[in-house]
Amino acid sequence: MTAAKTNERPGTRASVRGYQMSATKARVVLNNIRGEDIQTAREILAGTTREAADVIAKVLNSAIANARDPVRMARAMKLAVEAGRAAFLAGRMPRRMGADPSSPLTGLIR
C-alpha cells in the first residue's frame, strides 16, 4: 500500500495496477465522457467497444463507491476529466535554451 501524497486528501485517489494502456487510448475514451454526469458517463462507457472503456468504468465506479461522499466524488471525477482536457489543449511550455537565475542580482541590499 502506498502512502498518500502530501498534496492530496486521503480517500480521493483511484488507480489501476497491473494493466498497461497507453494514454492515447485512454484519452479517446475519456473524451467521450468528458463533461457528462455520472449516469450518462456509465451509459457511454457501457456502449463503447474499446477495451479501455471497461477499465475506465471500473476505476470510475470504484472511486465513487469507496468515497465517503459519493455524490461529491462523482462531481470531482467530472471536474478531473475536464481539467485533464484543458491541460491537454493548453499544450506544453516551450523548452528553455538557457537558464535564468533563480534570484535576481539587481535590487539587492547589502
C-alpha atoms as a PDB file:
ATOM      1  CA  MET A   1       0.000   0.000   0.000  1.00  0.00           C
ATOM      2  CA  THR A   2       1.320   3.413  -0.873  1.00  0.00           C
ATOM      3  CA  ALA A   3       1.109   6.395   1.413  1.00  0.00           C
ATOM      4  CA  ALA A   4      -0.939   9.418   0.485  1.00  0.00           C
ATOM      5  CA  LYS A   5       0.985  12.251  -1.051  1.00  0.00           C
ATOM      6  CA  THR A   6       1.213  15.463   0.902  1.00  0.00           C
ATOM      7  CA  ASN A   7      -0.919  17.395  -1.579  1.00  0.00           C
ATOM      8  CA  GLU A   8      -3.885  15.027  -1.745  1.00  0.00           C
ATOM      9  CA  ARG A   9      -6.568  14.134   0.738  1.00  0.00           C
ATOM     10  CA  PRO A  10      -6.870  10.536   1.906  1.00  0.00           C
ATOM     11  CA  GLY A  11      -9.622   8.644   0.113  1.00  0.00           C
ATOM     12  CA  THR A  12      -9.645  10.706  -3.092  1.00  0.00           C
ATOM     13  CA  ARG A  13      -7.422   8.547  -5.268  1.00  0.00           C
ATOM     14  CA  ALA A  14      -8.382   5.767  -7.653  1.00  0.00           C
ATOM     15  CA  SER A  15      -5.872   3.800  -9.669  1.00  0.00           C
ATOM     16  CA  VAL A  16      -5.449   0.597 -11.627  1.00  0.00           C
ATOM     17  CA  ARG A  17      -2.463  -1.672 -11.159  1.00  0.00           C
ATOM     18  CA  GLY A  18      -1.204  -4.378 -13.413  1.00  0.00           C
ATOM     19  CA  TYR A  19      -2.873  -3.068 -16.536  1.00  0.00           C
ATOM     20  CA  GLN A  20      -0.966  -1.489 -19.372  1.00  0.00           C
ATOM     21  CA  MET A  21      -2.766   1.008 -21.539  1.00  0.00           C
ATOM     22  CA  SER A  22      -1.405   3.925 -23.497  1.00  0.00           C
ATOM     23  CA  ALA A  23      -2.515   7.423 -22.578  1.00  0.00           C
ATOM     24  CA  THR A  24      -3.714   7.948 -26.135  1.00  0.00           C
ATOM     25  CA  LYS A  25      -6.121   5.006 -25.953  1.00  0.00           C
ATOM     26  CA  ALA A  26      -7.421   6.151 -22.572  1.00  0.00           C
ATOM     27  CA  ARG A  27      -7.801   9.728 -23.826  1.00  0.00           C
ATOM     28  CA  VAL A  28     -10.036   8.602 -26.703  1.00  0.00           C
ATOM     29  CA  VAL A  29     -12.469   7.048 -24.231  1.00  0.00           C
ATOM     30  CA  LEU A  30     -12.201   9.894 -21.712  1.00  0.00           C
ATOM     31  CA  ASN A  31     -13.049  12.424 -24.422  1.00  0.00           C
ATOM     32  CA  ASN A  32     -16.367  10.612 -24.909  1.00  0.00           C
ATOM     33  CA  ILE A  33     -17.425  11.047 -21.274  1.00  0.00           C
ATOM     34  CA  ARG A  34     -15.924  14.484 -20.654  1.00  0.00           C
ATOM     35  CA  GLY A  35     -18.494  16.919 -19.243  1.00  0.00           C
ATOM     36  CA  GLU A  36     -21.177  14.269 -18.740  1.00  0.00           C
ATOM     37  CA  ASP A  37     -22.875  13.404 -15.459  1.00  0.00           C
ATOM     38  CA  ILE A  38     -22.049  10.049 -13.875  1.00  0.00           C
ATOM     39  CA  GLN A  39     -25.113   8.168 -15.095  1.00  0.00           C
ATOM     40  CA  THR A  40     -24.592   9.321 -18.677  1.00  0.00           C
ATOM     41  CA  ALA A  41     -20.870   8.533 -18.457  1.00  0.00           C
ATOM     42  CA  ARG A  42     -21.657   4.995 -17.287  1.00  0.00           C
ATOM     43  CA  GLU A  43     -24.051   4.509 -20.206  1.00  0.00           C
ATOM     44  CA  ILE A  44     -21.482   5.809 -22.695  1.00  0.00           C
ATOM     45  CA  LEU A  45     -18.783   3.536 -21.256  1.00  0.00           C
ATOM     46  CA  ALA A  46     -21.135   0.536 -21.382  1.00  0.00           C
ATOM     47  CA  GLY A  47     -21.842   1.197 -25.067  1.00  0.00           C
ATOM     48  CA  THR A  48     -18.215   1.771 -26.069  1.00  0.00           C
ATOM     49  CA  THR A  49     -16.470  -1.193 -27.690  1.00  0.00           C
ATOM     50  CA  ARG A  50     -12.930  -0.188 -26.758  1.00  0.00           C
ATOM     51  CA  GLU A  51     -11.093  -2.224 -24.132  1.00  0.00           C
ATOM     52  CA  ALA A  52     -10.072   0.957 -22.312  1.00  0.00           C
ATOM     53  CA  ALA A  53     -13.739   1.712 -21.597  1.00  0.00           C
ATOM     54  CA  ASP A  54     -14.040  -1.336 -19.335  1.00  0.00           C
ATOM     55  CA  VAL A  55     -11.025  -0.320 -17.286  1.00  0.00           C
ATOM     56  CA  ILE A  56     -12.096   3.323 -17.001  1.00  0.00           C
ATOM     57  CA  ALA A  57     -15.611   2.248 -15.971  1.00  0.00           C
ATOM     58  CA  LYS A  58     -14.180   0.072 -13.192  1.00  0.00           C
ATOM     59  CA  VAL A  59     -11.989   2.898 -11.902  1.00  0.00           C
ATOM     60  CA  LEU A  60     -14.873   5.354 -12.050  1.00  0.00           C
ATOM     61  CA  ASN A  61     -17.253   3.004 -10.225  1.00  0.00           C
ATOM     62  CA  SER A  62     -14.754   2.035  -7.529  1.00  0.00           C
ATOM     63  CA  ALA A  63     -13.779   5.656  -6.886  1.00  0.00           C
ATOM     64  CA  ILE A  64     -17.406   6.652  -6.407  1.00  0.00           C
ATOM     65  CA  ALA A  65     -18.300   3.595  -4.322  1.00  0.00           C
ATOM     66  CA  ASN A  66     -15.325   3.920  -1.976  1.00  0.00           C
ATOM     67  CA  ALA A  67     -15.693   7.636  -1.377  1.00  0.00           C
ATOM     68  CA  ARG A  68     -17.040   8.964   1.896  1.00  0.00           C
ATOM     69  CA  ASP A  69     -19.321  11.297  -0.067  1.00  0.00           C
ATOM     70  CA  PRO A  70     -20.178   9.542  -3.362  1.00  0.00           C
ATOM     71  CA  VAL A  71     -22.069  12.498  -4.834  1.00  0.00           C
ATOM     72  CA  ARG A  72     -19.130  14.842  -4.254  1.00  0.00           C
ATOM     73  CA  MET A  73     -16.724  12.224  -5.653  1.00  0.00           C
ATOM     74  CA  ALA A  74     -18.846  11.932  -8.795  1.00  0.00           C
ATOM     75  CA  ARG A  75     -18.621  15.704  -9.290  1.00  0.00           C
ATOM     76  CA  ALA A  76     -14.867  15.592  -8.624  1.00  0.00           C
ATOM     77  CA  MET A  77     -14.359  12.905 -11.288  1.00  0.00           C
ATOM     78  CA  LYS A  78     -16.254  15.041 -13.792  1.00  0.00           C
ATOM     79  CA  LEU A  79     -14.094  18.063 -12.986  1.00  0.00           C
ATOM     80  CA  ALA A  80     -10.921  15.960 -13.194  1.00  0.00           C
ATOM     81  CA  VAL A  81     -11.787  14.821 -16.701  1.00  0.00           C
ATOM     82  CA  GLU A  82     -12.494  18.423 -17.732  1.00  0.00           C
ATOM     83  CA  ALA A  83      -9.232  19.639 -16.156  1.00  0.00           C
ATOM     84  CA  GLY A  84      -7.229  16.979 -17.964  1.00  0.00           C
ATOM     85  CA  ARG A  85      -8.681  18.036 -21.277  1.00  0.00           C
ATOM     86  CA  ALA A  86      -7.993  21.709 -20.572  1.00  0.00           C
ATOM     87  CA  ALA A  87      -4.374  20.917 -19.719  1.00  0.00           C
ATOM     88  CA  PHE A  88      -4.004  18.906 -22.916  1.00  0.00           C
ATOM     89  CA  LEU A  89      -5.446  21.705 -25.043  1.00  0.00           C
ATOM     90  CA  ALA A  90      -3.233  24.310 -23.331  1.00  0.00           C
ATOM     91  CA  GLY A  91      -0.155  22.481 -24.571  1.00  0.00           C
ATOM     92  CA  ARG A  92       3.292  22.147 -23.148  1.00  0.00           C
ATOM     93  CA  MET A  93       5.506  25.010 -22.102  1.00  0.00           C
ATOM     94  CA  PRO A  94       8.254  25.759 -24.630  1.00  0.00           C
ATOM     95  CA  ARG A  95      11.645  24.294 -23.805  1.00  0.00           C
ATOM     96  CA  ARG A  96      14.139  26.839 -22.484  1.00  0.00           C
ATOM     97  CA  MET A  97      17.511  27.033 -24.211  1.00  0.00           C
ATOM     98  CA  GLY A  98      19.263  28.650 -21.266  1.00  0.00           C
ATOM     99  CA  ALA A  99      18.864  29.027 -17.555  1.00  0.00           C
ATOM    100  CA  ASP A 100      17.676  32.118 -15.716  1.00  0.00           C
ATOM    101  CA  PRO A 101      18.984  32.907 -12.252  1.00  0.00           C
ATOM    102  CA  SER A 102      16.590  31.916  -9.515  1.00  0.00           C
ATOM    103  CA  SER A 103      17.340  35.083  -7.550  1.00  0.00           C
ATOM    104  CA  PRO A 104      17.883  38.451  -9.198  1.00  0.00           C
ATOM    105  CA  LEU A 105      21.183  40.280  -8.751  1.00  0.00           C
ATOM    106  CA  THR A 106      19.679  43.738  -9.188  1.00  0.00           C
ATOM    107  CA  GLY A 107      17.904  45.430  -6.340  1.00  0.00           C
ATOM    108  CA  LEU A 108      19.743  43.573  -3.564  1.00  0.00           C
ATOM    109  CA  ILE A 109      20.506  45.473  -0.382  1.00  0.00           C
ATOM    110  CA  ARG A 110      23.947  44.789   1.068  1.00  0.00           C
END
